[in-house]
Amino acid sequence: MNKKFHIKKGDKVTIISGNHKGAEGVVLTVDREKERATVEGVNMVTKHIKPTAEKPEGGVKKMEAPIHVSNIMLIDPETGESTRVGRKQDENGKLKRYSKNTGKFID
């Protein structure tokens, strides 16, 4: 089953709860099965890389970890403020996302 979310890859979002509340970033990936999204520069974790033939030194790498989509809110591209997202049909009958603050379509 393909779930529909209020965010998608490339959206500018803000974090509304958790340790990173108030942080802003761009959505890098969305995992529909686990209901999580990876946001650029948010929820950074340290990953230890094992030495391999290609990279014999190994090392420690900082990377983003996924965050639950319920903790993420879209930033309206027109106003620059966070907004709730709804879905309604446009003039062609296609279902599109819209900002509940301004009532205008997103994308």
N, C-alpha and C. Protein backbone atom coordinates (compact mmCIF):
# COMPACT_ATOMS: atom_id res chain seq x y z
N MET A 1 0.84 -1.18 0.00
CA MET A 1 0.00 0.00 0.00
C MET A 1 0.89 1.25 0.00
N ASN A 2 0.59 2.18 -0.88
CA ASN A 2 1.39 3.39 -1.02
C ASN A 2 0.77 4.51 -0.20
N LYS A 3 1.41 4.87 0.92
CA LYS A 3 0.88 5.91 1.79
C LYS A 3 1.20 7.29 1.23
N LYS A 4 0.31 8.24 1.47
CA LYS A 4 0.53 9.62 1.05
C LYS A 4 0.93 10.43 2.28
N PHE A 5 1.98 11.22 2.14
CA PHE A 5 2.45 12.05 3.22
C PHE A 5 2.33 13.52 2.85
N HIS A 6 2.41 14.37 3.86
CA HIS A 6 2.33 15.80 3.64
C HIS A 6 3.66 16.39 3.17
N ILE A 7 4.70 15.57 3.17
CA ILE A 7 6.01 16.03 2.71
C ILE A 7 6.52 15.10 1.63
N LYS A 8 7.46 15.58 0.84
CA LYS A 8 8.13 14.73 -0.12
C LYS A 8 9.56 15.23 -0.31
N LYS A 9 10.35 14.44 -1.01
CA LYS A 9 11.76 14.75 -1.22
C LYS A 9 11.92 16.13 -1.84
N GLY A 10 12.82 16.93 -1.27
CA GLY A 10 13.09 18.26 -1.80
C GLY A 10 12.34 19.38 -1.09
N ASP A 11 11.35 19.04 -0.24
CA ASP A 11 10.60 20.05 0.49
C ASP A 11 11.45 20.68 1.59
N LYS A 12 11.25 21.96 1.84
CA LYS A 12 11.88 22.63 2.98
C LYS A 12 10.94 22.48 4.17
N VAL A 13 11.47 21.94 5.28
CA VAL A 13 10.63 21.62 6.44
C VAL A 13 11.25 22.17 7.72
N THR A 14 10.43 22.19 8.77
CA THR A 14 10.90 22.54 10.10
C THR A 14 10.54 21.40 11.04
N ILE A 15 11.35 21.20 12.07
CA ILE A 15 11.10 20.15 13.05
C ILE A 15 10.25 20.76 14.16
N ILE A 16 9.11 20.10 14.50
CA ILE A 16 8.18 20.68 15.46
C ILE A 16 8.25 20.05 16.84
N SER A 17 8.97 18.92 16.98
CA SER A 17 9.11 18.32 18.31
C SER A 17 10.36 17.45 18.36
N GLY A 18 10.79 17.16 19.57
CA GLY A 18 11.97 16.33 19.75
C GLY A 18 13.20 17.16 20.08
N ASN A 19 14.35 16.50 20.06
CA ASN A 19 15.61 17.15 20.42
C ASN A 19 16.01 18.25 19.45
N HIS A 20 15.54 18.19 18.23
CA HIS A 20 15.94 19.15 17.20
C HIS A 20 14.83 20.13 16.87
N LYS A 21 13.95 20.38 17.83
CA LYS A 21 12.81 21.28 17.62
C LYS A 21 13.28 22.66 17.16
N GLY A 22 12.64 23.17 16.11
CA GLY A 22 12.99 24.49 15.57
C GLY A 22 13.99 24.45 14.44
N ALA A 23 14.65 23.32 14.23
CA ALA A 23 15.63 23.22 13.15
C ALA A 23 14.91 23.16 11.80
N GLU A 24 15.57 23.69 10.77
CA GLU A 24 15.02 23.66 9.43
C GLU A 24 15.99 22.95 8.50
N GLY A 25 15.45 22.35 7.45
CA GLY A 25 16.29 21.68 6.47
C GLY A 25 15.46 21.18 5.31
N VAL A 26 16.15 20.54 4.36
CA VAL A 26 15.51 20.01 3.16
C VAL A 26 15.39 18.49 3.31
N VAL A 27 14.26 17.94 2.90
CA VAL A 27 14.03 16.50 2.99
C VAL A 27 14.90 15.80 1.95
N LEU A 28 15.73 14.85 2.40
CA LEU A 28 16.61 14.10 1.51
C LEU A 28 15.95 12.82 1.03
N THR A 29 15.32 12.08 1.95
CA THR A 29 14.64 10.83 1.59
C THR A 29 13.37 10.69 2.41
N VAL A 30 12.43 9.89 1.89
CA VAL A 30 11.20 9.58 2.61
C VAL A 30 11.00 8.07 2.53
N ASP A 31 10.87 7.42 3.69
CA ASP A 31 10.60 5.98 3.77
C ASP A 31 9.13 5.79 4.12
N ARG A 32 8.32 5.42 3.14
CA ARG A 32 6.87 5.32 3.33
C ARG A 32 6.48 4.14 4.23
N GLU A 33 7.24 3.07 4.20
CA GLU A 33 6.91 1.90 5.01
C GLU A 33 7.14 2.17 6.50
N LYS A 34 8.24 2.84 6.84
CA LYS A 34 8.56 3.10 8.23
C LYS A 34 8.05 4.46 8.70
N GLU A 35 7.44 5.24 7.79
CA GLU A 35 6.89 6.56 8.09
C GLU A 35 7.97 7.50 8.65
N ARG A 36 9.13 7.51 8.00
CA ARG A 36 10.24 8.34 8.44
C ARG A 36 10.83 9.09 7.27
N ALA A 37 11.44 10.23 7.58
CA ALA A 37 12.10 11.04 6.56
C ALA A 37 13.45 11.48 7.08
N THR A 38 14.41 11.63 6.18
CA THR A 38 15.74 12.12 6.51
C THR A 38 15.81 13.59 6.11
N VAL A 39 16.16 14.45 7.08
CA VAL A 39 16.23 15.89 6.83
C VAL A 39 17.69 16.33 6.91
N GLU A 40 18.11 17.14 5.96
CA GLU A 40 19.50 17.59 5.86
C GLU A 40 19.90 18.38 7.11
N GLY A 41 20.98 17.92 7.78
CA GLY A 41 21.54 18.63 8.93
C GLY A 41 20.80 18.41 10.23
N VAL A 42 19.81 17.52 10.27
CA VAL A 42 19.01 17.29 11.48
C VAL A 42 19.18 15.83 11.92
N ASN A 43 19.23 15.62 13.24
CA ASN A 43 19.36 14.28 13.83
C ASN A 43 20.65 13.60 13.37
N MET A 44 21.76 14.30 13.52
CA MET A 44 23.06 13.78 13.10
C MET A 44 23.53 12.69 14.06
N VAL A 45 24.01 11.58 13.50
CA VAL A 45 24.53 10.47 14.29
C VAL A 45 25.94 10.16 13.81
N THR A 46 26.71 9.47 14.66
CA THR A 46 28.07 9.07 14.32
C THR A 46 28.06 7.62 13.90
N LYS A 47 28.58 7.35 12.71
CA LYS A 47 28.64 5.98 12.20
C LYS A 47 30.09 5.58 12.03
N HIS A 48 30.45 4.43 12.57
CA HIS A 48 31.81 3.92 12.47
C HIS A 48 31.94 3.06 11.22
N ILE A 49 32.89 3.42 10.36
CA ILE A 49 33.10 2.73 9.10
C ILE A 49 34.24 1.73 9.26
N LYS A 50 33.95 0.48 8.95
CA LYS A 50 34.95 -0.58 9.06
C LYS A 50 35.95 -0.47 7.90
N PRO A 51 37.23 -0.71 8.15
CA PRO A 51 38.20 -0.67 7.05
C PRO A 51 37.89 -1.72 5.98
N THR A 52 37.97 -1.31 4.72
CA THR A 52 37.75 -2.22 3.60
C THR A 52 38.93 -2.11 2.65
N ALA A 53 38.90 -2.90 1.58
CA ALA A 53 39.98 -2.85 0.59
C ALA A 53 40.01 -1.49 -0.12
N GLU A 54 38.81 -0.92 -0.38
CA GLU A 54 38.75 0.37 -1.06
C GLU A 54 39.15 1.52 -0.13
N LYS A 55 38.76 1.41 1.15
CA LYS A 55 39.03 2.46 2.13
C LYS A 55 39.72 1.82 3.34
N PRO A 56 41.04 1.58 3.26
CA PRO A 56 41.72 0.84 4.32
C PRO A 56 41.80 1.57 5.66
N GLU A 57 41.62 2.90 5.66
CA GLU A 57 41.73 3.62 6.93
C GLU A 57 40.45 3.55 7.77
N GLY A 58 39.30 3.21 7.13
CA GLY A 58 38.05 3.18 7.90
C GLY A 58 37.71 4.57 8.39
N GLY A 59 37.20 4.67 9.62
CA GLY A 59 36.97 5.98 10.21
C GLY A 59 35.59 6.16 10.81
N VAL A 60 35.33 7.40 11.21
CA VAL A 60 34.07 7.77 11.83
C VAL A 60 33.41 8.82 10.93
N LYS A 61 32.12 8.61 10.64
CA LYS A 61 31.41 9.49 9.72
C LYS A 61 30.15 10.03 10.38
N LYS A 62 29.89 11.33 10.24
CA LYS A 62 28.65 11.93 10.72
C LYS A 62 27.63 11.88 9.59
N MET A 63 26.41 11.45 9.91
CA MET A 63 25.37 11.39 8.90
C MET A 63 24.00 11.62 9.53
N GLU A 64 23.02 11.94 8.70
CA GLU A 64 21.66 12.18 9.18
C GLU A 64 20.95 10.86 9.40
N ALA A 65 20.17 10.79 10.49
CA ALA A 65 19.33 9.64 10.76
C ALA A 65 17.88 10.04 10.48
N PRO A 66 17.03 9.08 10.13
CA PRO A 66 15.64 9.40 9.84
C PRO A 66 14.88 9.88 11.07
N ILE A 67 13.85 10.69 10.84
CA ILE A 67 13.00 11.22 11.90
C ILE A 67 11.55 10.96 11.48
N HIS A 68 10.68 10.72 12.45
CA HIS A 68 9.29 10.38 12.14
C HIS A 68 8.58 11.56 11.47
N VAL A 69 7.74 11.27 10.48
CA VAL A 69 7.10 12.35 9.71
C VAL A 69 6.13 13.18 10.54
N SER A 70 5.64 12.64 11.66
CA SER A 70 4.73 13.42 12.50
C SER A 70 5.46 14.56 13.20
N ASN A 71 6.78 14.52 13.25
CA ASN A 71 7.57 15.57 13.90
C ASN A 71 8.06 16.63 12.90
N ILE A 72 7.57 16.54 11.67
CA ILE A 72 8.02 17.42 10.61
C ILE A 72 6.84 18.23 10.08
N MET A 73 7.08 19.53 9.83
CA MET A 73 6.04 20.38 9.26
C MET A 73 6.61 21.13 8.06
N LEU A 74 5.84 21.19 7.00
CA LEU A 74 6.26 21.84 5.76
C LEU A 74 6.34 23.36 5.93
N ILE A 75 7.34 23.96 5.29
CA ILE A 75 7.44 25.42 5.24
C ILE A 75 6.87 25.87 3.90
N ASP A 76 5.89 26.77 3.96
CA ASP A 76 5.24 27.27 2.75
C ASP A 76 6.26 28.03 1.90
N PRO A 77 6.44 27.64 0.63
CA PRO A 77 7.44 28.31 -0.22
C PRO A 77 7.16 29.80 -0.44
N GLU A 78 5.90 30.21 -0.41
CA GLU A 78 5.56 31.61 -0.67
C GLU A 78 5.79 32.50 0.54
N THR A 79 5.31 32.05 1.73
CA THR A 79 5.38 32.91 2.91
C THR A 79 6.61 32.64 3.77
N GLY A 80 7.18 31.45 3.67
CA GLY A 80 8.34 31.11 4.48
C GLY A 80 7.97 30.69 5.89
N GLU A 81 6.69 30.49 6.18
CA GLU A 81 6.23 30.06 7.50
C GLU A 81 5.76 28.61 7.43
N SER A 82 5.81 27.92 8.58
CA SER A 82 5.34 26.54 8.60
C SER A 82 3.83 26.52 8.44
N THR A 83 3.34 25.48 7.77
CA THR A 83 1.92 25.37 7.47
C THR A 83 1.47 23.93 7.48
N ARG A 84 0.20 23.73 7.79
CA ARG A 84 -0.39 22.41 7.63
C ARG A 84 -0.69 22.21 6.15
N VAL A 85 -0.79 20.94 5.76
CA VAL A 85 -0.97 20.61 4.35
C VAL A 85 -2.27 19.83 4.18
N GLY A 86 -3.02 20.20 3.15
CA GLY A 86 -4.22 19.47 2.79
C GLY A 86 -4.12 19.01 1.35
N ARG A 87 -5.14 18.29 0.89
CA ARG A 87 -5.19 17.85 -0.50
C ARG A 87 -6.54 18.21 -1.08
N LYS A 88 -6.52 18.79 -2.28
CA LYS A 88 -7.77 19.03 -3.00
C LYS A 88 -7.47 19.02 -4.49
N GLN A 89 -8.53 18.93 -5.27
CA GLN A 89 -8.36 18.82 -6.71
C GLN A 89 -8.12 20.19 -7.33
N ASP A 90 -7.23 20.22 -8.32
CA ASP A 90 -7.01 21.46 -9.06
C ASP A 90 -8.01 21.54 -10.22
N GLU A 91 -7.84 22.51 -11.11
CA GLU A 91 -8.80 22.70 -12.20
C GLU A 91 -8.82 21.54 -13.20
N ASN A 92 -7.74 20.74 -13.24
CA ASN A 92 -7.68 19.58 -14.14
C ASN A 92 -8.22 18.31 -13.49
N GLY A 93 -8.63 18.39 -12.21
CA GLY A 93 -9.15 17.23 -11.51
C GLY A 93 -8.08 16.39 -10.85
N LYS A 94 -6.84 16.89 -10.84
CA LYS A 94 -5.74 16.15 -10.21
C LYS A 94 -5.63 16.55 -8.74
N LEU A 95 -5.42 15.56 -7.86
CA LEU A 95 -5.30 15.81 -6.43
C LEU A 95 -3.92 16.39 -6.13
N LYS A 96 -3.89 17.59 -5.54
CA LYS A 96 -2.62 18.26 -5.26
C LYS A 96 -2.59 18.74 -3.82
N ARG A 97 -1.37 18.95 -3.31
CA ARG A 97 -1.20 19.49 -1.96
C ARG A 97 -1.45 20.99 -1.97
N TYR A 98 -2.01 21.49 -0.86
CA TYR A 98 -2.17 22.93 -0.73
C TYR A 98 -1.89 23.36 0.70
N SER A 99 -1.51 24.63 0.85
CA SER A 99 -1.21 25.20 2.16
C SER A 99 -2.51 25.60 2.83
N LYS A 100 -2.72 25.16 4.05
CA LYS A 100 -3.93 25.51 4.76
C LYS A 100 -3.89 26.95 5.28
N ASN A 101 -2.70 27.55 5.35
CA ASN A 101 -2.59 28.95 5.76
C ASN A 101 -3.02 29.89 4.64
N THR A 102 -2.49 29.68 3.43
CA THR A 102 -2.77 30.58 2.32
C THR A 102 -3.85 30.05 1.40
N GLY A 103 -4.08 28.75 1.39
CA GLY A 103 -5.06 28.15 0.48
C GLY A 103 -4.54 27.93 -0.92
N LYS A 104 -3.25 28.21 -1.15
CA LYS A 104 -2.66 28.06 -2.50
C LYS A 104 -2.00 26.70 -2.64
N PHE A 105 -1.95 26.23 -3.87
CA PHE A 105 -1.33 24.92 -4.17
C PHE A 105 0.18 25.00 -3.97
N ILE A 106 0.76 23.86 -3.54
CA ILE A 106 2.20 23.74 -3.34
C ILE A 106 2.73 22.92 -4.52
N ASP A 107 3.80 23.35 -5.13
CA ASP A 107 4.49 22.72 -6.26
C ASP A 107 4.25 23.48 -7.47
